[in-house]
Protein backbone atom coordinates (compact mmCIF):
# COMPACT_ATOMS: atom_id res chain seq x y z
CA UNK A 1 0.00 0.00 0.00
CA UNK A 2 2.96 2.30 0.56
CA UNK A 3 3.49 2.67 -3.19
CA UNK A 4 -0.21 3.10 -3.87
CA UNK A 5 -1.51 6.62 -4.60
CA UNK A 6 -4.31 5.86 -2.17
CA UNK A 7 -3.63 6.29 1.52
CA UNK A 8 -4.83 3.97 4.27
CA UNK A 9 -7.33 6.67 5.16
CA UNK A 10 -8.89 6.52 1.69
CA UNK A 11 -9.15 2.75 1.88
CA UNK A 12 -10.65 2.97 5.36
CA UNK A 13 -13.24 5.49 4.16
CA UNK A 14 -14.19 3.27 1.23
CA UNK A 15 -14.61 0.30 3.57
CA UNK A 16 -16.75 2.41 5.90
CA UNK A 17 -18.99 3.48 3.03
CA UNK A 18 -19.40 -0.15 1.98
CA UNK A 19 -20.35 -1.20 5.51
CA UNK A 20 -22.86 1.63 5.79
CA UNK A 21 -24.36 0.68 2.42
CA UNK A 22 -24.73 -2.96 3.43
CA UNK A 23 -26.33 -1.97 6.74
CA UNK A 24 -28.77 0.36 4.98
CA UNK A 25 -29.68 -2.31 2.42
PDB file of N, CA and C in Angstrom:
ATOM      1  N   UNK A   1       0.837  -1.205   0.000  1.00  0.00           N
ATOM      2  CA  UNK A   1       0.000   0.000   0.000  1.00  0.00           C
ATOM      3  C   UNK A   1       0.866   1.247   0.000  1.00  0.00           C
ATOM      4  N   UNK A   2       2.086   1.123   0.440  1.00  0.00           N
ATOM      5  CA  UNK A   2       2.964   2.297   0.556  1.00  0.00           C
ATOM      6  C   UNK A   2       3.176   2.947  -0.807  1.00  0.00           C
ATOM      7  N   UNK A   3       3.237   2.132  -1.851  1.00  0.00           N
ATOM      8  CA  UNK A   3       3.485   2.674  -3.188  1.00  0.00           C
ATOM      9  C   UNK A   3       2.187   3.099  -3.878  1.00  0.00           C
ATOM     10  N   UNK A   4       1.069   2.766  -3.259  1.00  0.00           N
ATOM     11  CA  UNK A   4      -0.214   3.102  -3.873  1.00  0.00           C
ATOM     12  C   UNK A   4      -0.535   4.576  -3.685  1.00  0.00           C
ATOM     13  N   UNK A   5      -1.139   5.206  -4.695  1.00  0.00           N
ATOM     14  CA  UNK A   5      -1.508   6.621  -4.601  1.00  0.00           C
ATOM     15  C   UNK A   5      -2.587   6.839  -3.545  1.00  0.00           C
ATOM     16  N   UNK A   6      -3.264   5.755  -3.175  1.00  0.00           N
ATOM     17  CA  UNK A   6      -4.311   5.864  -2.165  1.00  0.00           C
ATOM     18  C   UNK A   6      -3.717   5.625  -0.783  1.00  0.00           C
ATOM     19  N   UNK A   7      -4.129   6.435   0.162  1.00  0.00           N
ATOM     20  CA  UNK A   7      -3.625   6.288   1.523  1.00  0.00           C
ATOM     21  C   UNK A   7      -4.499   5.307   2.291  1.00  0.00           C
ATOM     22  N   UNK A   8      -4.039   4.878   3.449  1.00  0.00           N
ATOM     23  CA  UNK A   8      -4.828   3.967   4.271  1.00  0.00           C
ATOM     24  C   UNK A   8      -6.144   4.627   4.650  1.00  0.00           C
ATOM     25  N   UNK A   9      -6.124   5.942   4.780  1.00  0.00           N
ATOM     26  CA  UNK A   9      -7.335   6.667   5.161  1.00  0.00           C
ATOM     27  C   UNK A   9      -8.381   6.525   4.059  1.00  0.00           C
ATOM     28  N   UNK A  10      -7.952   6.637   2.810  1.00  0.00           N
ATOM     29  CA  UNK A  10      -8.888   6.522   1.689  1.00  0.00           C
ATOM     30  C   UNK A  10      -9.493   5.119   1.657  1.00  0.00           C
ATOM     31  N   UNK A  11      -8.673   4.126   1.889  1.00  0.00           N
ATOM     32  CA  UNK A  11      -9.151   2.746   1.885  1.00  0.00           C
ATOM     33  C   UNK A  11     -10.124   2.543   3.035  1.00  0.00           C
ATOM     34  N   UNK A  12      -9.795   3.117   4.193  1.00  0.00           N
ATOM     35  CA  UNK A  12     -10.652   2.975   5.359  1.00  0.00           C
ATOM     36  C   UNK A  12     -11.999   3.637   5.104  1.00  0.00           C
ATOM     37  N   UNK A  13     -11.986   4.788   4.456  1.00  0.00           N
ATOM     38  CA  UNK A  13     -13.237   5.492   4.162  1.00  0.00           C
ATOM     39  C   UNK A  13     -14.091   4.674   3.196  1.00  0.00           C
ATOM     40  N   UNK A  14     -13.454   4.076   2.204  1.00  0.00           N
ATOM     41  CA  UNK A  14     -14.186   3.269   1.230  1.00  0.00           C
ATOM     42  C   UNK A  14     -14.818   2.062   1.925  1.00  0.00           C
ATOM     43  N   UNK A  15     -14.092   1.455   2.841  1.00  0.00           N
ATOM     44  CA  UNK A  15     -14.612   0.304   3.567  1.00  0.00           C
ATOM     45  C   UNK A  15     -15.793   0.731   4.432  1.00  0.00           C
ATOM     46  N   UNK A  16     -15.678   1.901   5.052  1.00  0.00           N
ATOM     47  CA  UNK A  16     -16.753   2.406   5.905  1.00  0.00           C
ATOM     48  C   UNK A  16     -18.010   2.643   5.084  1.00  0.00           C
ATOM     49  N   UNK A  17     -17.842   3.214   3.896  1.00  0.00           N
ATOM     50  CA  UNK A  17     -18.995   3.478   3.031  1.00  0.00           C
ATOM     51  C   UNK A  17     -19.662   2.171   2.621  1.00  0.00           C
ATOM     52  N   UNK A  18     -18.852   1.146   2.370  1.00  0.00           N
ATOM     53  CA  UNK A  18     -19.395  -0.154   1.981  1.00  0.00           C
ATOM     54  C   UNK A  18     -20.198  -0.752   3.126  1.00  0.00           C
ATOM     55  N   UNK A  19     -19.661  -0.664   4.333  1.00  0.00           N
ATOM     56  CA  UNK A  19     -20.353  -1.205   5.508  1.00  0.00           C
ATOM     57  C   UNK A  19     -21.669  -0.474   5.720  1.00  0.00           C
ATOM     58  N   UNK A  20     -21.641   0.847   5.597  1.00  0.00           N
ATOM     59  CA  UNK A  20     -22.863   1.628   5.790  1.00  0.00           C
ATOM     60  C   UNK A  20     -23.895   1.266   4.735  1.00  0.00           C
ATOM     61  N   UNK A  21     -23.448   1.038   3.509  1.00  0.00           N
ATOM     62  CA  UNK A  21     -24.356   0.677   2.421  1.00  0.00           C
ATOM     63  C   UNK A  21     -25.007  -0.681   2.701  1.00  0.00           C
ATOM     64  N   UNK A  22     -24.201  -1.627   3.160  1.00  0.00           N
ATOM     65  CA  UNK A  22     -24.732  -2.959   3.433  1.00  0.00           C
ATOM     66  C   UNK A  22     -25.718  -2.907   4.599  1.00  0.00           C
ATOM     67  N   UNK A  23     -25.436  -2.083   5.592  1.00  0.00           N
ATOM     68  CA  UNK A  23     -26.333  -1.969   6.743  1.00  0.00           C
ATOM     69  C   UNK A  23     -27.645  -1.321   6.335  1.00  0.00           C
ATOM     70  N   UNK A  24     -27.569  -0.350   5.416  1.00  0.00           N
ATOM     71  CA  UNK A  24     -28.769   0.363   4.978  1.00  0.00           C
ATOM     72  C   UNK A  24     -29.608  -0.518   4.049  1.00  0.00           C
ATOM     73  N   UNK A  25     -28.961  -1.460   3.374  1.00  0.00           N
ATOM     74  CA  UNK A  25     -29.685  -2.310   2.422  1.00  0.00           C
ATOM     75  C   UNK A  25     -30.661  -3.227   3.163  1.00  0.00           C
TER      76      UNK A  25
END
